[in-house]
PDB file of N, CA and C in Angstrom:
ATOM      1  N   MET A   1     -87.233   6.434  79.879  1.00  0.00           N
ATOM      2  CA  MET A   1     -87.950   7.125  79.342  1.00  0.00           C
ATOM      3  C   MET A   1     -88.776   8.285  79.854  1.00  0.00           C
ATOM      4  N   ASN A   2     -87.796   9.474  79.720  1.00  0.00           N
ATOM      5  CA  ASN A   2     -88.964  10.782  79.503  1.00  0.00           C
ATOM      6  C   ASN A   2     -89.980  10.186  77.637  1.00  0.00           C
ATOM      7  N   VAL A   3     -90.883  10.906  78.672  1.00  0.00           N
ATOM      8  CA  VAL A   3     -92.455  10.746  77.058  1.00  0.00           C
ATOM      9  C   VAL A   3     -92.494  13.029  76.885  1.00  0.00           C
ATOM     10  N   ASN A   4     -92.164  13.290  78.653  1.00  0.00           N
ATOM     11  CA  ASN A   4     -92.399  14.777  78.826  1.00  0.00           C
ATOM     12  C   ASN A   4     -91.204  15.445  77.230  1.00  0.00           C
ATOM     13  N   LYS A   5     -90.968  15.071  76.797  1.00  0.00           N
ATOM     14  CA  LYS A   5     -89.339  15.663  76.538  1.00  0.00           C
ATOM     15  C   LYS A   5     -89.267  15.408  74.544  1.00  0.00           C
ATOM     16  N   THR A   6     -89.190  15.811  73.719  1.00  0.00           N
ATOM     17  CA  THR A   6     -88.835  15.383  72.385  1.00  0.00           C
ATOM     18  C   THR A   6     -88.501  14.978  71.994  1.00  0.00           C
ATOM     19  N   THR A   7     -88.134  14.067  71.173  1.00  0.00           N
ATOM     20  CA  THR A   7     -86.553  13.292  70.418  1.00  0.00           C
ATOM     21  C   THR A   7     -85.411  14.628  70.561  1.00  0.00           C
ATOM     22  N   GLY A   8     -85.984  15.385  70.273  1.00  0.00           N
ATOM     23  CA  GLY A   8     -84.617  16.372  69.252  1.00  0.00           C
ATOM     24  C   GLY A   8     -84.600  17.032  70.967  1.00  0.00           C
ATOM     25  N   GLU A   9     -85.642  17.350  72.510  1.00  0.00           N
ATOM     26  CA  GLU A   9     -85.115  17.648  73.055  1.00  0.00           C
ATOM     27  C   GLU A   9     -83.721  16.873  74.002  1.00  0.00           C
ATOM     28  N   ILE A  10     -84.713  15.694  73.847  1.00  0.00           N
ATOM     29  CA  ILE A  10     -83.154  14.488  74.120  1.00  0.00           C
ATOM     30  C   ILE A  10     -81.935  14.532  73.710  1.00  0.00           C
ATOM     31  N   LEU A  11     -81.573  14.754  72.649  1.00  0.00           N
ATOM     32  CA  LEU A  11     -80.420  14.852  72.232  1.00  0.00           C
ATOM     33  C   LEU A  11     -79.995  16.426  71.659  1.00  0.00           C
ATOM     34  N   ARG A  12     -80.755  17.980  71.662  1.00  0.00           N
ATOM     35  CA  ARG A  12     -79.514  18.100  71.848  1.00  0.00           C
ATOM     36  C   ARG A  12     -79.443  18.789  73.443  1.00  0.00           C
ATOM     37  N   GLU A  13     -80.384  17.757  74.746  1.00  0.00           N
ATOM     38  CA  GLU A  13     -80.030  18.250  75.651  1.00  0.00           C
ATOM     39  C   GLU A  13     -78.880  16.435  76.252  1.00  0.00           C
ATOM     40  N   ASN A  14     -78.084  16.275  75.748  1.00  0.00           N
ATOM     41  CA  ASN A  14     -77.709  14.993  76.250  1.00  0.00           C
ATOM     42  C   ASN A  14     -76.174  15.594  74.925  1.00  0.00           C
ATOM     43  N   ARG A  15     -76.850  16.277  73.905  1.00  0.00           N
ATOM     44  CA  ARG A  15     -75.323  16.214  72.846  1.00  0.00           C
ATOM     45  C   ARG A  15     -74.597  17.819  74.069  1.00  0.00           C
ATOM     46  N   GLU A  16     -75.361  18.795  74.332  1.00  0.00           N
ATOM     47  CA  GLU A  16     -74.526  19.681  75.399  1.00  0.00           C
ATOM     48  C   GLU A  16     -73.719  18.983  76.832  1.00  0.00           C
ATOM     49  N   LYS A  17     -74.560  18.080  77.634  1.00  0.00           N
ATOM     50  CA  LYS A  17     -73.763  17.766  77.967  1.00  0.00           C
ATOM     51  C   LYS A  17     -72.634  16.946  78.141  1.00  0.00           C
ATOM     52  N   LYS A  18     -72.409  16.058  76.749  1.00  0.00           N
ATOM     53  CA  LYS A  18     -71.338  15.733  76.258  1.00  0.00           C
ATOM     54  C   LYS A  18     -70.899  17.017  75.436  1.00  0.00           C
ATOM     55  N   GLY A  19     -70.665  18.299  76.419  1.00  0.00           N
ATOM     56  CA  GLY A  19     -69.758  19.255  75.456  1.00  0.00           C
ATOM     57  C   GLY A  19     -69.408  19.334  73.604  1.00  0.00           C
ATOM     58  N   LEU A  20     -70.366  18.434  73.276  1.00  0.00           N
ATOM     59  CA  LEU A  20     -70.525  18.990  71.512  1.00  0.00           C
ATOM     60  C   LEU A  20     -71.201  19.276  70.723  1.00  0.00           C
ATOM     61  N   LEU A  21     -70.204  19.494  69.728  1.00  0.00           N
ATOM     62  CA  LEU A  21     -71.497  21.321  68.511  1.00  0.00           C
ATOM     63  C   LEU A  21     -71.771  20.948  68.035  1.00  0.00           C
ATOM     64  N   LEU A  22     -72.600  21.393  67.589  1.00  0.00           N
ATOM     65  CA  LEU A  22     -73.788  20.540  66.386  1.00  0.00           C
ATOM     66  C   LEU A  22     -72.529  20.594  64.979  1.00  0.00           C
ATOM     67  N   ARG A  23     -71.988  21.168  64.425  1.00  0.00           N
ATOM     68  CA  ARG A  23     -71.119  21.100  63.458  1.00  0.00           C
ATOM     69  C   ARG A  23     -70.411  19.541  63.890  1.00  0.00           C
ATOM     70  N   GLN A  24     -70.581  19.417  65.338  1.00  0.00           N
ATOM     71  CA  GLN A  24     -68.481  17.867  66.086  1.00  0.00           C
ATOM     72  C   GLN A  24     -70.238  17.563  65.190  1.00  0.00           C
ATOM     73  N   VAL A  25     -71.830  16.847  65.445  1.00  0.00           N
ATOM     74  CA  VAL A  25     -72.544  15.943  65.257  1.00  0.00           C
ATOM     75  C   VAL A  25     -72.751  16.005  63.803  1.00  0.00           C
ATOM     76  N   ALA A  26     -72.442  17.242  63.692  1.00  0.00           N
ATOM     77  CA  ALA A  26     -73.118  17.084  61.784  1.00  0.00           C
ATOM     78  C   ALA A  26     -72.209  15.801  61.112  1.00  0.00           C
ATOM     79  N   ALA A  27     -71.701  16.680  61.446  1.00  0.00           N
ATOM     80  CA  ALA A  27     -70.636  15.562  60.807  1.00  0.00           C
ATOM     81  C   ALA A  27     -69.168  14.577  61.388  1.00  0.00           C
ATOM     82  N   LEU A  28     -70.685  14.413  62.391  1.00  0.00           N
ATOM     83  CA  LEU A  28     -69.639  12.360  62.680  1.00  0.00           C
ATOM     84  C   LEU A  28     -71.464  11.839  61.423  1.00  0.00           C
ATOM     85  N   LEU A  29     -71.991  12.201  61.214  1.00  0.00           N
ATOM     86  CA  LEU A  29     -73.304  11.766  60.465  1.00  0.00           C
ATOM     87  C   LEU A  29     -73.310  11.764  59.706  1.00  0.00           C
ATOM     88  N   ASP A  30     -72.446  13.046  59.208  1.00  0.00           N
ATOM     89  CA  ASP A  30     -72.042  12.942  57.706  1.00  0.00           C
ATOM     90  C   ASP A  30     -72.990  13.883  57.314  1.00  0.00           C
ATOM     91  N   ILE A  31     -73.885  15.297  58.159  1.00  0.00           N
ATOM     92  CA  ILE A  31     -74.718  15.341  57.858  1.00  0.00           C
ATOM     93  C   ILE A  31     -74.802  17.986  57.569  1.00  0.00           C
ATOM     94  N   ASP A  32     -75.481  17.826  56.802  1.00  0.00           N
ATOM     95  CA  ASP A  32     -75.337  19.741  57.991  1.00  0.00           C
ATOM     96  C   ASP A  32     -75.168  20.046  58.717  1.00  0.00           C
ATOM     97  N   THR A  33     -74.784  20.572  59.294  1.00  0.00           N
ATOM     98  CA  THR A  33     -75.366  21.664  60.068  1.00  0.00           C
ATOM     99  C   THR A  33     -76.476  21.987  60.999  1.00  0.00           C
ATOM    100  N   ALA A  34     -76.897  23.429  59.673  1.00  0.00           N
ATOM    101  CA  ALA A  34     -78.147  22.868  59.975  1.00  0.00           C
ATOM    102  C   ALA A  34     -79.133  21.705  59.974  1.00  0.00           C
ATOM    103  N   ILE A  35     -79.137  21.317  59.428  1.00  0.00           N
ATOM    104  CA  ILE A  35     -80.377  19.660  59.000  1.00  0.00           C
ATOM    105  C   ILE A  35     -79.895  18.420  61.132  1.00  0.00           C
ATOM    106  N   VAL A  36     -78.897  19.049  61.986  1.00  0.00           N
ATOM    107  CA  VAL A  36     -78.455  18.784  63.011  1.00  0.00           C
ATOM    108  C   VAL A  36     -79.696  19.727  63.926  1.00  0.00           C
ATOM    109  N   SER A  37     -79.672  20.914  63.371  1.00  0.00           N
ATOM    110  CA  SER A  37     -80.655  21.740  64.031  1.00  0.00           C
ATOM    111  C   SER A  37     -81.890  21.717  64.167  1.00  0.00           C
ATOM    112  N   LYS A  38     -82.148  21.614  63.179  1.00  0.00           N
ATOM    113  CA  LYS A  38     -83.810  21.336  62.923  1.00  0.00           C
ATOM    114  C   LYS A  38     -84.117  19.827  63.575  1.00  0.00           C
ATOM    115  N   VAL A  39     -83.582  19.254  63.129  1.00  0.00           N
ATOM    116  CA  VAL A  39     -83.778  17.867  63.921  1.00  0.00           C
ATOM    117  C   VAL A  39     -84.576  17.914  64.996  1.00  0.00           C
ATOM    118  N   GLU A  40     -83.487  18.553  65.878  1.00  0.00           N
ATOM    119  CA  GLU A  40     -83.243  19.091  67.845  1.00  0.00           C
ATOM    120  C   GLU A  40     -84.386  19.784  68.620  1.00  0.00           C
ATOM    121  N   ARG A  41     -84.746  20.875  67.417  1.00  0.00           N
ATOM    122  CA  ARG A  41     -85.465  22.218  67.597  1.00  0.00           C
ATOM    123  C   ARG A  41     -86.531  21.084  66.462  1.00  0.00           C
ATOM    124  N   GLY A  42     -87.124  20.209  66.610  1.00  0.00           N
ATOM    125  CA  GLY A  42     -88.908  19.689  65.625  1.00  0.00           C
ATOM    126  C   GLY A  42     -88.795  19.439  64.465  1.00  0.00           C
ATOM    127  N   GLU A  43     -87.818  20.265  63.961  1.00  0.00           N
ATOM    128  CA  GLU A  43     -88.234  20.893  63.082  1.00  0.00           C
ATOM    129  C   GLU A  43     -88.522  20.015  61.572  1.00  0.00           C
ATOM    130  N   ARG A  44     -87.624  18.885  61.665  1.00  0.00           N
ATOM    131  CA  ARG A  44     -87.050  18.041  60.686  1.00  0.00           C
ATOM    132  C   ARG A  44     -87.128  16.660  61.786  1.00  0.00           C
ATOM    133  N   LYS A  45     -87.711  15.326  60.935  1.00  0.00           N
ATOM    134  CA  LYS A  45     -87.856  13.966  61.744  1.00  0.00           C
ATOM    135  C   LYS A  45     -85.982  13.575  61.411  1.00  0.00           C
ATOM    136  N   ALA A  46     -85.456  12.898  61.981  1.00  0.00           N
ATOM    137  CA  ALA A  46     -83.564  12.169  62.206  1.00  0.00           C
ATOM    138  C   ALA A  46     -84.277  10.413  61.442  1.00  0.00           C
ATOM    139  N   THR A  47     -83.779  10.099  60.687  1.00  0.00           N
ATOM    140  CA  THR A  47     -83.477   8.942  60.234  1.00  0.00           C
ATOM    141  C   THR A  47     -84.233   7.836  61.214  1.00  0.00           C
ATOM    142  N   LYS A  48     -84.656   6.944  60.960  1.00  0.00           N
ATOM    143  CA  LYS A  48     -83.593   5.837  61.818  1.00  0.00           C
ATOM    144  C   LYS A  48     -82.014   5.552  61.585  1.00  0.00           C
ATOM    145  N   GLY A  49     -81.801   4.685  61.433  1.00  0.00           N
ATOM    146  CA  GLY A  49     -80.762   4.953  60.951  1.00  0.00           C
ATOM    147  C   GLY A  49     -79.000   6.493  61.883  1.00  0.00           C
ATOM    148  N   GLN A  50     -79.764   8.010  61.042  1.00  0.00           N
ATOM    149  CA  GLN A  50     -79.389   8.354  61.533  1.00  0.00           C
ATOM    150  C   GLN A  50     -79.425   8.743  63.430  1.00  0.00           C
ATOM    151  N   ILE A  51     -81.145   7.611  63.991  1.00  0.00           N
ATOM    152  CA  ILE A  51     -81.107   7.721  65.722  1.00  0.00           C
ATOM    153  C   ILE A  51     -80.226   6.994  66.278  1.00  0.00           C
ATOM    154  N   ILE A  52     -79.859   5.947  66.035  1.00  0.00           N
ATOM    155  CA  ILE A  52     -78.662   4.812  66.155  1.00  0.00           C
ATOM    156  C   ILE A  52     -77.291   5.140  66.158  1.00  0.00           C
ATOM    157  N   LYS A  53     -77.493   6.168  65.123  1.00  0.00           N
ATOM    158  CA  LYS A  53     -75.329   6.459  65.103  1.00  0.00           C
ATOM    159  C   LYS A  53     -75.967   7.659  66.149  1.00  0.00           C
ATOM    160  N   LEU A  54     -76.979   8.099  66.700  1.00  0.00           N
ATOM    161  CA  LEU A  54     -77.285   9.723  67.150  1.00  0.00           C
ATOM    162  C   LEU A  54     -77.024   9.125  68.458  1.00  0.00           C
ATOM    163  N   ALA A  55     -77.937   7.559  69.044  1.00  0.00           N
ATOM    164  CA  ALA A  55     -77.584   7.173  70.254  1.00  0.00           C
ATOM    165  C   ALA A  55     -75.594   6.632  70.128  1.00  0.00           C
ATOM    166  N   ASP A  56     -75.068   6.158  69.909  1.00  0.00           N
ATOM    167  CA  ASP A  56     -73.746   5.593  69.384  1.00  0.00           C
ATOM    168  C   ASP A  56     -72.522   6.586  69.921  1.00  0.00           C
ATOM    169  N   ILE A  57     -73.006   8.162  68.915  1.00  0.00           N
ATOM    170  CA  ILE A  57     -72.466   8.935  69.671  1.00  0.00           C
ATOM    171  C   ILE A  57     -73.267   9.942  71.397  1.00  0.00           C
ATOM    172  N   LEU A  58     -73.886   9.598  70.847  1.00  0.00           N
ATOM    173  CA  LEU A  58     -73.869  11.082  72.346  1.00  0.00           C
ATOM    174  C   LEU A  58     -74.254   9.576  73.779  1.00  0.00           C
ATOM    175  N   ASP A  59     -73.268   8.337  73.582  1.00  0.00           N
ATOM    176  CA  ASP A  59     -73.482   7.690  74.416  1.00  0.00           C
ATOM    177  C   ASP A  59     -75.022   6.751  75.106  1.00  0.00           C
ATOM    178  N   LEU A  60     -75.930   6.968  73.683  1.00  0.00           N
ATOM    179  CA  LEU A  60     -77.362   6.692  75.295  1.00  0.00           C
ATOM    180  C   LEU A  60     -78.257   5.410  74.138  1.00  0.00           C
ATOM    181  N   ASP A  61     -78.742   5.391  75.432  1.00  0.00           N
ATOM    182  CA  ASP A  61     -79.358   3.195  75.205  1.00  0.00           C
ATOM    183  C   ASP A  61     -79.808   3.545  73.406  1.00  0.00           C
ATOM    184  N   LYS A  62     -79.334   3.035  72.511  1.00  0.00           N
ATOM    185  CA  LYS A  62     -79.864   2.787  71.691  1.00  0.00           C
ATOM    186  C   LYS A  62     -81.426   2.660  71.758  1.00  0.00           C
ATOM    187  N   ASP A  63     -82.296   1.652  72.320  1.00  0.00           N
ATOM    188  CA  ASP A  63     -82.925   0.394  71.904  1.00  0.00           C
ATOM    189  C   ASP A  63     -84.570   1.801  72.303  1.00  0.00           C
ATOM    190  N   GLU A  64     -83.703   2.541  73.857  1.00  0.00           N
ATOM    191  CA  GLU A  64     -84.582   3.103  74.825  1.00  0.00           C
ATOM    192  C   GLU A  64     -84.546   4.609  73.236  1.00  0.00           C
ATOM    193  N   LEU A  65     -83.556   5.431  72.891  1.00  0.00           N
ATOM    194  CA  LEU A  65     -83.621   6.035  71.990  1.00  0.00           C
ATOM    195  C   LEU A  65     -84.700   5.477  70.659  1.00  0.00           C
ATOM    196  N   LEU A  66     -84.400   4.083  70.053  1.00  0.00           N
ATOM    197  CA  LEU A  66     -85.684   3.847  69.107  1.00  0.00           C
ATOM    198  C   LEU A  66     -86.872   4.402  70.093  1.00  0.00           C
ATOM    199  N   ILE A  67     -87.279   3.407  71.019  1.00  0.00           N
ATOM    200  CA  ILE A  67     -88.734   3.595  71.705  1.00  0.00           C
ATOM    201  C   ILE A  67     -88.821   5.146  71.564  1.00  0.00           C
ATOM    202  N   GLN A  68     -88.454   5.608  72.463  1.00  0.00           N
ATOM    203  CA  GLN A  68     -88.612   7.349  71.462  1.00  0.00           C
ATOM    204  C   GLN A  68     -88.680   7.850  70.753  1.00  0.00           C
ATOM    205  N   TYR A  69     -88.398   7.674  69.878  1.00  0.00           N
ATOM    206  CA  TYR A  69     -88.332   8.523  68.188  1.00  0.00           C
ATOM    207  C   TYR A  69     -89.633   8.144  67.513  1.00  0.00           C
ATOM    208  N   LEU A  70     -89.466   6.591  67.530  1.00  0.00           N
ATOM    209  CA  LEU A  70     -91.169   5.973  66.932  1.00  0.00           C
ATOM    210  C   LEU A  70     -92.211   6.122  67.985  1.00  0.00           C
ATOM    211  N   SER A  71     -92.185   6.212  69.432  1.00  0.00           N
ATOM    212  CA  SER A  71     -93.780   6.497  69.959  1.00  0.00           C
ATOM    213  C   SER A  71     -93.820   7.506  69.285  1.00  0.00           C
ATOM    214  N   GLU A  72     -92.916   8.329  68.777  1.00  0.00           N
ATOM    215  CA  GLU A  72     -93.217  10.272  68.271  1.00  0.00           C
ATOM    216  C   GLU A  72     -93.687  10.494  66.877  1.00  0.00           C
ATOM    217  N   LYS A  73     -93.513   9.292  66.718  1.00  0.00           N
ATOM    218  CA  LYS A  73     -93.921   9.633  65.008  1.00  0.00           C
ATOM    219  C   LYS A  73     -94.982   8.689  65.182  1.00  0.00           C
ATOM    220  N   ILE A  74     -95.547   7.779  65.949  1.00  0.00           N
ATOM    221  CA  ILE A  74     -96.570   7.036  65.751  1.00  0.00           C
ATOM    222  C   ILE A  74     -97.491   8.272  66.820  1.00  0.00           C
ATOM    223  N   ALA A  75     -97.141   9.106  67.531  1.00  0.00           N
ATOM    224  CA  ALA A  75     -97.200   9.741  68.288  1.00  0.00           C
ATOM    225  C   ALA A  75     -98.046  11.039  67.131  1.00  0.00           C
ATOM    226  N   TYR A  76     -97.297  12.295  66.940  1.00  0.00           N
ATOM    227  CA  TYR A  76     -97.376  12.967  65.878  1.00  0.00           C
ATOM    228  C   TYR A  76     -98.252  12.398  64.276  1.00  0.00           C
ATOM    229  N   GLU A  77     -98.491  11.261  64.316  1.00  0.00           N
ATOM    230  CA  GLU A  77     -98.912  10.462  63.000  1.00  0.00           C
ATOM    231  C   GLU A  77    -101.146  10.965  63.809  1.00  0.00           C
ATOM    232  N   LEU A  78    -101.380  10.348  64.855  1.00  0.00           N
ATOM    233  CA  LEU A  78    -102.801   9.662  65.864  1.00  0.00           C
ATOM    234  C   LEU A  78    -102.670  11.149  66.207  1.00  0.00           C
ATOM    235  N   PHE A  79    -102.327  12.327  66.344  1.00  0.00           N
ATOM    236  CA  PHE A  79    -102.218  13.123  67.652  1.00  0.00           C
ATOM    237  C   PHE A  79    -103.697  13.378  67.084  1.00  0.00           C
ATOM    238  N   ASP A  80    -104.027  14.036  65.872  1.00  0.00           N
ATOM    239  CA  ASP A  80    -105.170  14.604  65.923  1.00  0.00           C
ATOM    240  C   ASP A  80    -106.968  13.432  65.404  1.00  0.00           C
ATOM    241  N   GLU A  81    -105.947  11.991  66.122  1.00  0.00           N
ATOM    242  CA  GLU A  81    -107.430  11.384  65.204  1.00  0.00           C
ATOM    243  C   GLU A  81    -108.648  11.524  66.661  1.00  0.00           C
ATOM    244  N   GLU A  82    -109.630  11.268  66.674  1.00  0.00           N
ATOM    245  CA  GLU A  82    -110.619  11.541  68.015  1.00  0.00           C
ATOM    246  C   GLU A  82    -110.076   9.792  68.469  1.00  0.00           C
ATOM    247  N   VAL A  83    -109.848   8.489  67.763  1.00  0.00           N
ATOM    248  CA  VAL A  83    -110.095   6.734  67.581  1.00  0.00           C
ATOM    249  C   VAL A  83    -108.061   6.140  68.307  1.00  0.00           C
ATOM    250  N   ALA A  84    -107.844   7.383  68.331  1.00  0.00           N
ATOM    251  CA  ALA A  84    -105.836   7.118  68.884  1.00  0.00           C
ATOM    252  C   ALA A  84    -105.663   6.417  69.845  1.00  0.00           C
ATOM    253  N   SER A  85    -106.433   6.760  71.024  1.00  0.00           N
ATOM    254  CA  SER A  85    -106.352   5.359  71.803  1.00  0.00           C
ATOM    255  C   SER A  85    -106.467   4.333  71.397  1.00  0.00           C
ATOM    256  N   LYS A  86    -107.561   3.733  70.477  1.00  0.00           N
ATOM    257  CA  LYS A  86    -108.918   2.383  69.617  1.00  0.00           C
ATOM    258  C   LYS A  86    -107.099   1.637  68.962  1.00  0.00           C
ATOM    259  N   THR A  87    -106.516   2.686  68.196  1.00  0.00           N
ATOM    260  CA  THR A  87    -106.428   2.857  66.644  1.00  0.00           C
ATOM    261  C   THR A  87    -104.829   2.385  66.986  1.00  0.00           C
ATOM    262  N   LEU A  88    -104.248   2.981  68.232  1.00  0.00           N
ATOM    263  CA  LEU A  88    -102.807   1.985  69.399  1.00  0.00           C
ATOM    264  C   LEU A  88    -103.097   0.552  70.011  1.00  0.00           C
ATOM    265  N   LYS A  89    -104.160   0.706  71.009  1.00  0.00           N
ATOM    266  CA  LYS A  89    -104.481  -1.320  71.002  1.00  0.00           C
ATOM    267  C   LYS A  89    -104.758  -2.161  70.071  1.00  0.00           C
ATOM    268  N   VAL A  90    -105.484  -2.038  68.789  1.00  0.00           N
ATOM    269  CA  VAL A  90    -105.582  -2.652  67.442  1.00  0.00           C
ATOM    270  C   VAL A  90    -104.474  -2.993  66.755  1.00  0.00           C
ATOM    271  N   ALA A  91    -103.605  -1.625  66.830  1.00  0.00           N
ATOM    272  CA  ALA A  91    -102.128  -1.938  66.271  1.00  0.00           C
ATOM    273  C   ALA A  91    -101.078  -2.692  66.894  1.00  0.00           C
ATOM    274  N   GLU A  92    -101.233  -2.574  67.862  1.00  0.00           N
ATOM    275  CA  GLU A  92    -100.448  -3.571  68.974  1.00  0.00           C
ATOM    276  C   GLU A  92    -101.201  -5.311  68.789  1.00  0.00           C
ATOM    277  N   GLN A  93    -102.543  -5.770  68.910  1.00  0.00           N
ATOM    278  CA  GLN A  93    -102.764  -6.336  67.858  1.00  0.00           C
ATOM    279  C   GLN A  93    -101.913  -6.868  66.969  1.00  0.00           C
ATOM    280  N   LYS A  94    -102.692  -5.548  66.215  1.00  0.00           N
ATOM    281  CA  LYS A  94    -101.427  -6.310  64.712  1.00  0.00           C
ATOM    282  C   LYS A  94    -100.138  -6.562  64.714  1.00  0.00           C
ATOM    283  N   VAL A  95     -98.557  -6.466  65.600  1.00  0.00           N
ATOM    284  CA  VAL A  95     -98.081  -5.894  65.422  1.00  0.00           C
ATOM    285  C   VAL A  95     -98.278  -8.171  66.551  1.00  0.00           C
ATOM    286  N   ALA A  96     -98.446  -7.634  66.783  1.00  0.00           N
ATOM    287  CA  ALA A  96     -98.759  -9.508  67.837  1.00  0.00           C
ATOM    288  C   ALA A  96     -98.550 -10.460  66.989  1.00  0.00           C
ATOM    289  N   TYR A  97     -99.087 -10.455  65.597  1.00  0.00           N
ATOM    290  CA  TYR A  97    -100.179 -11.074  64.898  1.00  0.00           C
ATOM    291  C   TYR A  97     -99.103 -11.290  63.728  1.00  0.00           C
ATOM    292  N   LEU A  98     -98.880 -10.186  62.498  1.00  0.00           N
ATOM    293  CA  LEU A  98     -97.482  -9.884  62.040  1.00  0.00           C
ATOM    294  C   LEU A  98     -96.697 -10.681  62.885  1.00  0.00           C
ATOM    295  N   LYS A  99     -96.037 -10.952  64.236  1.00  0.00           N
ATOM    296  CA  LYS A  99     -95.070 -11.226  64.552  1.00  0.00           C
ATOM    297  C   LYS A  99     -94.977 -13.600  64.161  1.00  0.00           C
ATOM    298  N   SER A 100     -96.387 -13.134  64.884  1.00  0.00           N
ATOM    299  CA  SER A 100     -96.604 -14.767  65.676  1.00  0.00           C
ATOM    300  C   SER A 100     -97.040 -15.106  64.049  1.00  0.00           C
ATOM    301  N   LYS A 101     -96.965 -15.118  62.374  1.00  0.00           N
ATOM    302  CA  LYS A 101     -96.499 -15.080  61.033  1.00  0.00           C
ATOM    303  C   LYS A 101     -95.457 -15.666  60.544  1.00  0.00           C
ATOM    304  N   LYS A 102     -94.219 -15.326  60.933  1.00  0.00           N
ATOM    305  CA  LYS A 102     -92.991 -14.825  60.457  1.00  0.00           C
ATOM    306  C   LYS A 102     -92.215 -16.207  61.281  1.00  0.00           C
TER     307      LYS A 102
END
């Protein structure tokens, strides 16, 4: 997992490695080419469903790409917060608690 790249950068890099054009990926996702371009540039966030499809299209590990995507969502949410680190620790505990209730 590369924490020094955005999800969009990872998607673009792997799309280009596979020799796929934006329009080809957009067609496979059934969305506009401009949306794929914006996702790659970080101007728009993909949906979880799109991330899962992109993992398949680009032959990426689905769990790794989801971790990248979800961690980035959290990072952007907490970016300007002074209590970000403490919040993450509490959130991890809350996740464990909520899973124990299932």
